[in-house]
Amino acid sequence: MKRVFLSFLFLVLVVGATAQPAGVIRAYAEHDYNRTAGSIGNFAVASDFNLAENFRMGVGLQASTENHYDLDFVYQVDLLKGKKGTLFLENRYLYRYFKRYKLQEFNAMLSAGYRNIHWNFKFGLCNRYIAEVPLRKNGGEGTIFEPMNIVFDVEYNLFAQDHPWNIGAGVSNYREFIIERFTLFYYNLHGYYGLNDQWRLTAEAGLHPCGVLNLSAQPNGFYVNVGCVFNY
């Protein structure tokens, strides 16, 4: 899996260097702690790029010291642009591989959203399919299918995205590499500092539900990550 991660990193860098028009390459390292699993290290790299004026695409990969790997693909289409904000549609696909448990998880999400200078809202539906590795062929044994889950995301930023620095807060039931049930929330504080026109330093801290494979447990865990963004 390390070869897959390195190959994907190379692909992200190549796509980021050749994609037109401009986009970004993101990377971060994260420390996650909860009473269920203890301390976990996560490492992620992703590229977000514009394929057209109203069409954006992103792809990312996360590797964890807990021996699981996550692959995320998302695209976003602007439906209506106004002076005060933009109405958009987002489609996300997330694959998670848990080597320790020999399980894999497939997620598909469709949401509608609205964003302006300060706010970003998303609300939609998601389904999930969990299966053993390798996939069973005997009538679906060893699989779980969850046909519908509600997803939401509310985020506020103090300044516009082109400001030299920014801070914000959010609440959601999903992140880039995990989707929880509707009743399990993530709370976060985030920010960035622009070093120049191309480089930004980023940081995020938050609380999240504890548990394994979306099974909730209390109390909440926490995570902290630091990273960088390169604009090309």
C-alpha atoms as a PDB file:
ATOM      1  CA  MET A   1       0.000   0.000   0.000  1.00  0.00           C
ATOM      2  CA  LYS A   2       2.975   2.306   0.505  1.00  0.00           C
ATOM      3  CA  ARG A   3       3.732   1.976  -3.226  1.00  0.00           C
ATOM      4  CA  VAL A   4       0.136   2.923  -3.993  1.00  0.00           C
ATOM      5  CA  PHE A   5       0.412   5.984  -1.743  1.00  0.00           C
ATOM      6  CA  LEU A   6       3.687   7.114  -3.359  1.00  0.00           C
ATOM      7  CA  SER A   7       2.293   6.502  -6.846  1.00  0.00           C
ATOM      8  CA  PHE A   8      -0.795   8.527  -5.990  1.00  0.00           C
ATOM      9  CA  LEU A   9       1.363  11.336  -4.597  1.00  0.00           C
ATOM     10  CA  PHE A  10       3.299  11.419  -7.874  1.00  0.00           C
ATOM     11  CA  LEU A  11       0.003  11.478  -9.823  1.00  0.00           C
ATOM     12  CA  VAL A  12      -1.311  14.388  -7.744  1.00  0.00           C
ATOM     13  CA  LEU A  13       1.880  16.367  -8.368  1.00  0.00           C
ATOM     14  CA  VAL A  14       1.741  15.664 -12.105  1.00  0.00           C
ATOM     15  CA  VAL A  15      -1.934  16.593 -12.358  1.00  0.00           C
ATOM     16  CA  GLY A  16      -1.338  19.700 -10.261  1.00  0.00           C
ATOM     17  CA  ALA A  17       1.517  20.793 -12.487  1.00  0.00           C
ATOM     18  CA  THR A  18      -0.388  20.283 -15.761  1.00  0.00           C
ATOM     19  CA  ALA A  19      -4.017  21.101 -14.884  1.00  0.00           C
ATOM     20  CA  GLN A  20      -5.452  24.242 -16.464  1.00  0.00           C
ATOM     21  CA  PRO A  21      -6.750  26.568 -15.225  1.00  0.00           C
ATOM     22  CA  ALA A  22      -5.224  26.959 -11.766  1.00  0.00           C
ATOM     23  CA  GLY A  23      -5.825  24.905  -8.641  1.00  0.00           C
ATOM     24  CA  VAL A  24      -4.083  23.880  -5.436  1.00  0.00           C
ATOM     25  CA  ILE A  25      -2.085  21.013  -3.961  1.00  0.00           C
ATOM     26  CA  ARG A  26      -2.714  20.368  -0.254  1.00  0.00           C
ATOM     27  CA  ALA A  27      -0.814  18.245   2.272  1.00  0.00           C
ATOM     28  CA  TYR A  28      -1.031  17.851   6.035  1.00  0.00           C
ATOM     29  CA  ALA A  29       0.031  15.690   8.971  1.00  0.00           C
ATOM     30  CA  GLU A  30      -2.486  14.999  11.729  1.00  0.00           C
ATOM     31  CA  HIS A  31      -2.487  13.692  15.294  1.00  0.00           C
ATOM     32  CA  ASP A  32      -5.766  12.054  16.329  1.00  0.00           C
ATOM     33  CA  TYR A  33      -6.586  10.736  19.790  1.00  0.00           C
ATOM     34  CA  ASN A  34      -9.600   8.901  21.195  1.00  0.00           C
ATOM     35  CA  ARG A  35     -10.108   6.336  23.960  1.00  0.00           C
ATOM     36  CA  THR A  36     -11.186   3.649  21.494  1.00  0.00           C
ATOM     37  CA  ALA A  37      -8.042   3.566  19.368  1.00  0.00           C
ATOM     38  CA  GLY A  38      -5.535   5.724  21.273  1.00  0.00           C
ATOM     39  CA  SER A  39      -3.100   7.982  19.388  1.00  0.00           C
ATOM     40  CA  ILE A  40      -3.207   7.838  15.587  1.00  0.00           C
ATOM     41  CA  GLY A  41      -1.151   9.630  12.950  1.00  0.00           C
ATOM     42  CA  ASN A  42      -2.754  10.554   9.624  1.00  0.00           C
ATOM     43  CA  PHE A  43      -0.974  11.846   6.524  1.00  0.00           C
ATOM     44  CA  ALA A  44      -2.864  13.255   3.541  1.00  0.00           C
ATOM     45  CA  VAL A  45      -2.166  14.753   0.128  1.00  0.00           C
ATOM     46  CA  ALA A  46      -4.760  16.098  -2.301  1.00  0.00           C
ATOM     47  CA  SER A  47      -5.177  18.247  -5.388  1.00  0.00           C
ATOM     48  CA  ASP A  48      -8.124  20.524  -6.198  1.00  0.00           C
ATOM     49  CA  PHE A  49      -8.330  22.021  -9.666  1.00  0.00           C
ATOM     50  CA  ASN A  50     -10.724  23.890 -11.953  1.00  0.00           C
ATOM     51  CA  LEU A  51     -11.682  22.147 -15.181  1.00  0.00           C
ATOM     52  CA  ALA A  52     -14.001  24.981 -16.242  1.00  0.00           C
ATOM     53  CA  GLU A  53     -15.308  28.237 -14.842  1.00  0.00           C
ATOM     54  CA  ASN A  54     -18.185  26.498 -13.036  1.00  0.00           C
ATOM     55  CA  PHE A  55     -16.710  23.016 -12.577  1.00  0.00           C
ATOM     56  CA  ARG A  56     -14.147  21.948  -9.963  1.00  0.00           C
ATOM     57  CA  MET A  57     -12.695  18.546  -9.169  1.00  0.00           C
ATOM     58  CA  GLY A  58     -10.640  17.180  -6.279  1.00  0.00           C
ATOM     59  CA  VAL A  59      -8.883  13.931  -5.442  1.00  0.00           C
ATOM     60  CA  GLY A  60      -7.065  12.996  -2.233  1.00  0.00           C
ATOM     61  CA  LEU A  61      -5.444  10.102  -0.393  1.00  0.00           C
ATOM     62  CA  GLN A  62      -4.909   9.600   3.341  1.00  0.00           C
ATOM     63  CA  ALA A  63      -2.704   7.001   5.031  1.00  0.00           C
ATOM     64  CA  SER A  64      -2.941   6.247   8.760  1.00  0.00           C
ATOM     65  CA  THR A  65      -0.655   4.634  11.319  1.00  0.00           C
ATOM     66  CA  GLU A  66      -3.774   2.638  12.319  1.00  0.00           C
ATOM     67  CA  ASN A  67      -3.167   0.757   9.064  1.00  0.00           C
ATOM     68  CA  HIS A  68      -6.064   2.064   7.020  1.00  0.00           C
ATOM     69  CA  TYR A  69      -6.124   4.050   3.778  1.00  0.00           C
ATOM     70  CA  ASP A  70      -8.723   6.437   2.366  1.00  0.00           C
ATOM     71  CA  LEU A  71      -9.274   7.610  -1.209  1.00  0.00           C
ATOM     72  CA  ASP A  72     -11.578  10.585  -1.855  1.00  0.00           C
ATOM     73  CA  PHE A  73     -12.934  11.906  -5.159  1.00  0.00           C
ATOM     74  CA  VAL A  74     -15.243  14.913  -5.420  1.00  0.00           C
ATOM     75  CA  TYR A  75     -16.560  17.298  -8.037  1.00  0.00           C
ATOM     76  CA  GLN A  76     -18.585  20.474  -7.650  1.00  0.00           C
ATOM     77  CA  VAL A  77     -20.788  22.266 -10.195  1.00  0.00           C
ATOM     78  CA  ASP A  78     -21.949  25.866  -9.764  1.00  0.00           C
ATOM     79  CA  LEU A  79     -25.662  26.088 -10.594  1.00  0.00           C
ATOM     80  CA  LEU A  80     -26.429  29.740  -9.928  1.00  0.00           C
ATOM     81  CA  LYS A  81     -24.057  32.629  -9.261  1.00  0.00           C
ATOM     82  CA  GLY A  82     -25.240  35.880  -7.747  1.00  0.00           C
ATOM     83  CA  LYS A  83     -23.682  39.024  -6.318  1.00  0.00           C
ATOM     84  CA  LYS A  84     -23.993  37.731  -2.752  1.00  0.00           C
ATOM     85  CA  GLY A  85     -23.199  34.029  -3.204  1.00  0.00           C
ATOM     86  CA  THR A  86     -23.246  30.831  -5.260  1.00  0.00           C
ATOM     87  CA  LEU A  87     -25.613  27.859  -5.261  1.00  0.00           C
ATOM     88  CA  PHE A  88     -23.807  24.616  -6.137  1.00  0.00           C
ATOM     89  CA  LEU A  89     -24.128  20.842  -6.382  1.00  0.00           C
ATOM     90  CA  GLU A  90     -21.479  18.489  -4.962  1.00  0.00           C
ATOM     91  CA  ASN A  91     -20.928  14.785  -5.639  1.00  0.00           C
ATOM     92  CA  ARG A  92     -18.421  12.886  -3.472  1.00  0.00           C
ATOM     93  CA  TYR A  93     -17.088   9.305  -3.507  1.00  0.00           C
ATOM     94  CA  LEU A  94     -15.022   7.886  -0.643  1.00  0.00           C
ATOM     95  CA  TYR A  95     -13.281   4.498  -0.445  1.00  0.00           C
ATOM     96  CA  ARG A  96     -11.774   3.304   2.852  1.00  0.00           C
ATOM     97  CA  TYR A  97      -9.602   0.200   3.331  1.00  0.00           C
ATOM     98  CA  PHE A  98      -9.091  -1.150   6.881  1.00  0.00           C
ATOM     99  CA  LYS A  99      -6.196  -3.590   6.596  1.00  0.00           C
ATOM    100  CA  ARG A 100      -6.301  -4.522  10.293  1.00  0.00           C
ATOM    101  CA  TYR A 101      -9.942  -5.672  10.090  1.00  0.00           C
ATOM    102  CA  LYS A 102      -9.836  -6.841   6.441  1.00  0.00           C
ATOM    103  CA  LEU A 103     -12.780  -4.600   5.641  1.00  0.00           C
ATOM    104  CA  GLN A 104     -13.474  -1.999   2.977  1.00  0.00           C
ATOM    105  CA  GLU A 105     -16.038   0.774   2.871  1.00  0.00           C
ATOM    106  CA  PHE A 106     -17.617   2.490  -0.136  1.00  0.00           C
ATOM    107  CA  ASN A 107     -19.441   5.830   0.286  1.00  0.00           C
ATOM    108  CA  ALA A 108     -21.355   7.958  -2.229  1.00  0.00           C
ATOM    109  CA  MET A 109     -22.678  11.408  -1.332  1.00  0.00           C
ATOM    110  CA  LEU A 110     -24.774  13.979  -3.170  1.00  0.00           C
ATOM    111  CA  SER A 111     -25.408  17.385  -1.610  1.00  0.00           C
ATOM    112  CA  ALA A 112     -26.579  20.877  -2.480  1.00  0.00           C
ATOM    113  CA  GLY A 113     -24.776  23.875  -1.053  1.00  0.00           C
ATOM    114  CA  TYR A 114     -24.465  27.632  -0.859  1.00  0.00           C
ATOM    115  CA  ARG A 115     -21.321  29.697  -0.311  1.00  0.00           C
ATOM    116  CA  ASN A 116     -20.458  33.361  -0.041  1.00  0.00           C
ATOM    117  CA  ILE A 117     -17.534  35.364   1.337  1.00  0.00           C
ATOM    118  CA  HIS A 118     -18.000  34.123   4.903  1.00  0.00           C
ATOM    119  CA  TRP A 119     -20.388  31.127   4.895  1.00  0.00           C
ATOM    120  CA  ASN A 120     -20.389  27.662   3.340  1.00  0.00           C
ATOM    121  CA  PHE A 121     -23.480  25.431   3.732  1.00  0.00           C
ATOM    122  CA  LYS A 122     -23.993  21.872   2.464  1.00  0.00           C
ATOM    123  CA  PHE A 123     -26.863  19.450   2.960  1.00  0.00           C
ATOM    124  CA  GLY A 124     -27.458  16.121   1.241  1.00  0.00           C
ATOM    125  CA  LEU A 125     -27.740  12.335   1.298  1.00  0.00           C
ATOM    126  CA  CYS A 126     -25.185   9.527   1.464  1.00  0.00           C
ATOM    127  CA  ASN A 127     -25.199   5.739   1.250  1.00  0.00           C
ATOM    128  CA  ARG A 128     -22.576   3.283   2.502  1.00  0.00           C
ATOM    129  CA  TYR A 129     -21.514  -0.243   1.622  1.00  0.00           C
ATOM    130  CA  ILE A 130     -19.177  -2.208   3.925  1.00  0.00           C
ATOM    131  CA  ALA A 131     -17.685  -5.510   2.770  1.00  0.00           C
ATOM    132  CA  GLU A 132     -15.002  -7.984   3.705  1.00  0.00           C
ATOM    133  CA  VAL A 133     -11.760  -8.205   1.759  1.00  0.00           C
ATOM    134  CA  PRO A 134     -11.912 -10.020  -0.618  1.00  0.00           C
ATOM    135  CA  LEU A 135     -15.535  -9.513  -1.624  1.00  0.00           C
ATOM    136  CA  ARG A 136     -17.797 -12.491  -0.898  1.00  0.00           C
ATOM    137  CA  LYS A 137     -19.918 -13.903  -3.721  1.00  0.00           C
ATOM    138  CA  ASN A 138     -22.229 -16.140  -1.676  1.00  0.00           C
ATOM    139  CA  GLY A 139     -25.371 -14.026  -1.413  1.00  0.00           C
ATOM    140  CA  GLY A 140     -23.849 -10.938   0.151  1.00  0.00           C
ATOM    141  CA  GLU A 141     -22.517 -12.666   3.284  1.00  0.00           C
ATOM    142  CA  GLY A 142     -20.056 -10.495   5.156  1.00  0.00           C
ATOM    143  CA  THR A 143     -21.512  -7.231   3.821  1.00  0.00           C
ATOM    144  CA  ILE A 144     -23.527  -4.317   5.260  1.00  0.00           C
ATOM    145  CA  PHE A 145     -25.488  -1.857   3.133  1.00  0.00           C
ATOM    146  CA  GLU A 146     -26.769   1.424   4.584  1.00  0.00           C
ATOM    147  CA  PRO A 147     -29.127   2.898   1.954  1.00  0.00           C
ATOM    148  CA  MET A 148     -29.408   6.452   3.270  1.00  0.00           C
ATOM    149  CA  ASN A 149     -27.680   8.837   5.641  1.00  0.00           C
ATOM    150  CA  ILE A 150     -28.154  12.606   5.929  1.00  0.00           C
ATOM    151  CA  VAL A 151     -24.993  14.711   5.659  1.00  0.00           C
ATOM    152  CA  PHE A 152     -24.484  18.377   6.465  1.00  0.00           C
ATOM    153  CA  ASP A 153     -21.707  20.931   6.784  1.00  0.00           C
ATOM    154  CA  VAL A 154     -21.832  24.508   8.128  1.00  0.00           C
ATOM    155  CA  GLU A 155     -18.680  26.637   8.043  1.00  0.00           C
ATOM    156  CA  TYR A 156     -17.906  30.276   8.787  1.00  0.00           C
ATOM    157  CA  ASN A 157     -14.711  32.160   7.873  1.00  0.00           C
ATOM    158  CA  LEU A 158     -13.812  35.586   9.205  1.00  0.00           C
ATOM    159  CA  PHE A 159     -12.416  36.909   5.920  1.00  0.00           C
ATOM    160  CA  ALA A 160     -12.646  36.159   2.196  1.00  0.00           C
ATOM    161  CA  GLN A 161     -10.427  33.398   0.791  1.00  0.00           C
ATOM    162  CA  ASP A 162      -8.006  35.880  -0.811  1.00  0.00           C
ATOM    163  CA  HIS A 163      -7.204  37.542   2.532  1.00  0.00           C
ATOM    164  CA  PRO A 164      -3.552  37.119   3.691  1.00  0.00           C
ATOM    165  CA  TRP A 165      -4.733  35.166   6.759  1.00  0.00           C
ATOM    166  CA  ASN A 166      -7.995  33.707   7.981  1.00  0.00           C
ATOM    167  CA  ILE A 167      -9.668  31.867  10.853  1.00  0.00           C
ATOM    168  CA  GLY A 168     -12.989  30.060  10.955  1.00  0.00           C
ATOM    169  CA  ALA A 169     -15.157  27.454  12.645  1.00  0.00           C
ATOM    170  CA  GLY A 170     -17.471  24.693  11.512  1.00  0.00           C
ATOM    171  CA  VAL A 171     -19.762  21.835  12.472  1.00  0.00           C
ATOM    172  CA  SER A 172     -20.453  18.814  10.296  1.00  0.00           C
ATOM    173  CA  ASN A 173     -21.023  15.062  10.360  1.00  0.00           C
ATOM    174  CA  TYR A 174     -18.271  14.370   7.817  1.00  0.00           C
ATOM    175  CA  ARG A 175     -14.734  15.306   6.896  1.00  0.00           C
ATOM    176  CA  GLU A 176     -12.720  14.792   3.735  1.00  0.00           C
ATOM    177  CA  PHE A 177     -11.855  11.164   4.550  1.00  0.00           C
ATOM    178  CA  ILE A 178     -14.699  10.026   6.830  1.00  0.00           C
ATOM    179  CA  ILE A 179     -18.499  10.258   6.849  1.00  0.00           C
ATOM    180  CA  GLU A 180     -20.331   9.753  10.135  1.00  0.00           C
ATOM    181  CA  ARG A 181     -24.004   9.215  10.853  1.00  0.00           C
ATOM    182  CA  PHE A 182     -26.263  12.251  11.064  1.00  0.00           C
ATOM    183  CA  THR A 183     -26.293  12.261  14.881  1.00  0.00           C
ATOM    184  CA  LEU A 184     -22.471  12.283  15.258  1.00  0.00           C
ATOM    185  CA  PHE A 185     -20.901  15.718  14.884  1.00  0.00           C
ATOM    186  CA  TYR A 186     -17.456  17.147  14.166  1.00  0.00           C
ATOM    187  CA  TYR A 187     -16.609  20.571  15.619  1.00  0.00           C
ATOM    188  CA  ASN A 188     -13.561  22.392  14.289  1.00  0.00           C
ATOM    189  CA  LEU A 189     -11.503  25.571  14.382  1.00  0.00           C
ATOM    190  CA  HIS A 190      -9.323  26.205  11.343  1.00  0.00           C
ATOM    191  CA  GLY A 191      -7.138  28.855   9.785  1.00  0.00           C
ATOM    192  CA  TYR A 192      -4.316  29.682   7.425  1.00  0.00           C
ATOM    193  CA  TYR A 193      -1.474  32.146   7.028  1.00  0.00           C
ATOM    194  CA  GLY A 194      -0.280  33.172   3.556  1.00  0.00           C
ATOM    195  CA  LEU A 195       3.492  33.230   3.145  1.00  0.00           C
ATOM    196  CA  ASN A 196       3.241  34.626  -0.410  1.00  0.00           C
ATOM    197  CA  ASP A 197       1.018  34.354  -3.483  1.00  0.00           C
ATOM    198  CA  GLN A 198       1.690  30.631  -3.850  1.00  0.00           C
ATOM    199  CA  TRP A 199       2.220  29.163  -0.363  1.00  0.00           C
ATOM    200  CA  ARG A 200      -0.023  28.996   2.708  1.00  0.00           C
ATOM    201  CA  LEU A 201       0.440  27.366   6.078  1.00  0.00           C
ATOM    202  CA  THR A 202      -2.737  25.713   7.418  1.00  0.00           C
ATOM    203  CA  ALA A 203      -3.904  24.381  10.776  1.00  0.00           C
ATOM    204  CA  GLU A 204      -7.061  22.764  12.137  1.00  0.00           C
ATOM    205  CA  ALA A 205      -8.194  21.411  15.504  1.00  0.00           C
ATOM    206  CA  GLY A 206     -11.449  19.763  16.426  1.00  0.00           C
ATOM    207  CA  LEU A 207     -13.554  17.292  18.373  1.00  0.00           C
ATOM    208  CA  HIS A 208     -15.022  14.169  16.820  1.00  0.00           C
ATOM    209  CA  PRO A 209     -17.031  11.068  17.803  1.00  0.00           C
ATOM    210  CA  CYS A 210     -15.125   8.078  19.143  1.00  0.00           C
ATOM    211  CA  GLY A 211     -15.621   4.562  17.831  1.00  0.00           C
ATOM    212  CA  VAL A 212     -14.626   2.121  15.110  1.00  0.00           C
ATOM    213  CA  LEU A 213     -16.428   1.823  11.740  1.00  0.00           C
ATOM    214  CA  ASN A 214     -18.978   4.508  12.643  1.00  0.00           C
ATOM    215  CA  LEU A 215     -19.989   2.838  15.923  1.00  0.00           C
ATOM    216  CA  SER A 216     -20.281   5.679  18.420  1.00  0.00           C
ATOM    217  CA  ALA A 217     -18.689   5.782  21.849  1.00  0.00           C
ATOM    218  CA  GLN A 218     -18.170   8.579  24.345  1.00  0.00           C
ATOM    219  CA  PRO A 219     -16.466  10.825  25.218  1.00  0.00           C
ATOM    220  CA  ASN A 220     -15.341  12.670  22.082  1.00  0.00           C
ATOM    221  CA  GLY A 221     -11.851  12.392  20.705  1.00  0.00           C
ATOM    222  CA  PHE A 222      -9.817  15.263  19.276  1.00  0.00           C
ATOM    223  CA  TYR A 223      -7.526  15.911  16.331  1.00  0.00           C
ATOM    224  CA  VAL A 224      -4.933  18.529  15.390  1.00  0.00           C
ATOM    225  CA  ASN A 225      -3.308  18.900  11.999  1.00  0.00           C
ATOM    226  CA  VAL A 226      -0.825  21.238  10.334  1.00  0.00           C
ATOM    227  CA  GLY A 227      -0.037  21.455   6.653  1.00  0.00           C
ATOM    228  CA  CYS A 228       0.566  23.607   3.620  1.00  0.00           C
ATOM    229  CA  VAL A 229      -1.182  24.612   0.414  1.00  0.00           C
ATOM    230  CA  PHE A 230       0.559  25.344  -2.893  1.00  0.00           C
ATOM    231  CA  ASN A 231      -1.325  27.439  -5.460  1.00  0.00           C
ATOM    232  CA  TYR A 232      -0.374  26.759  -9.088  1.00  0.00           C
END
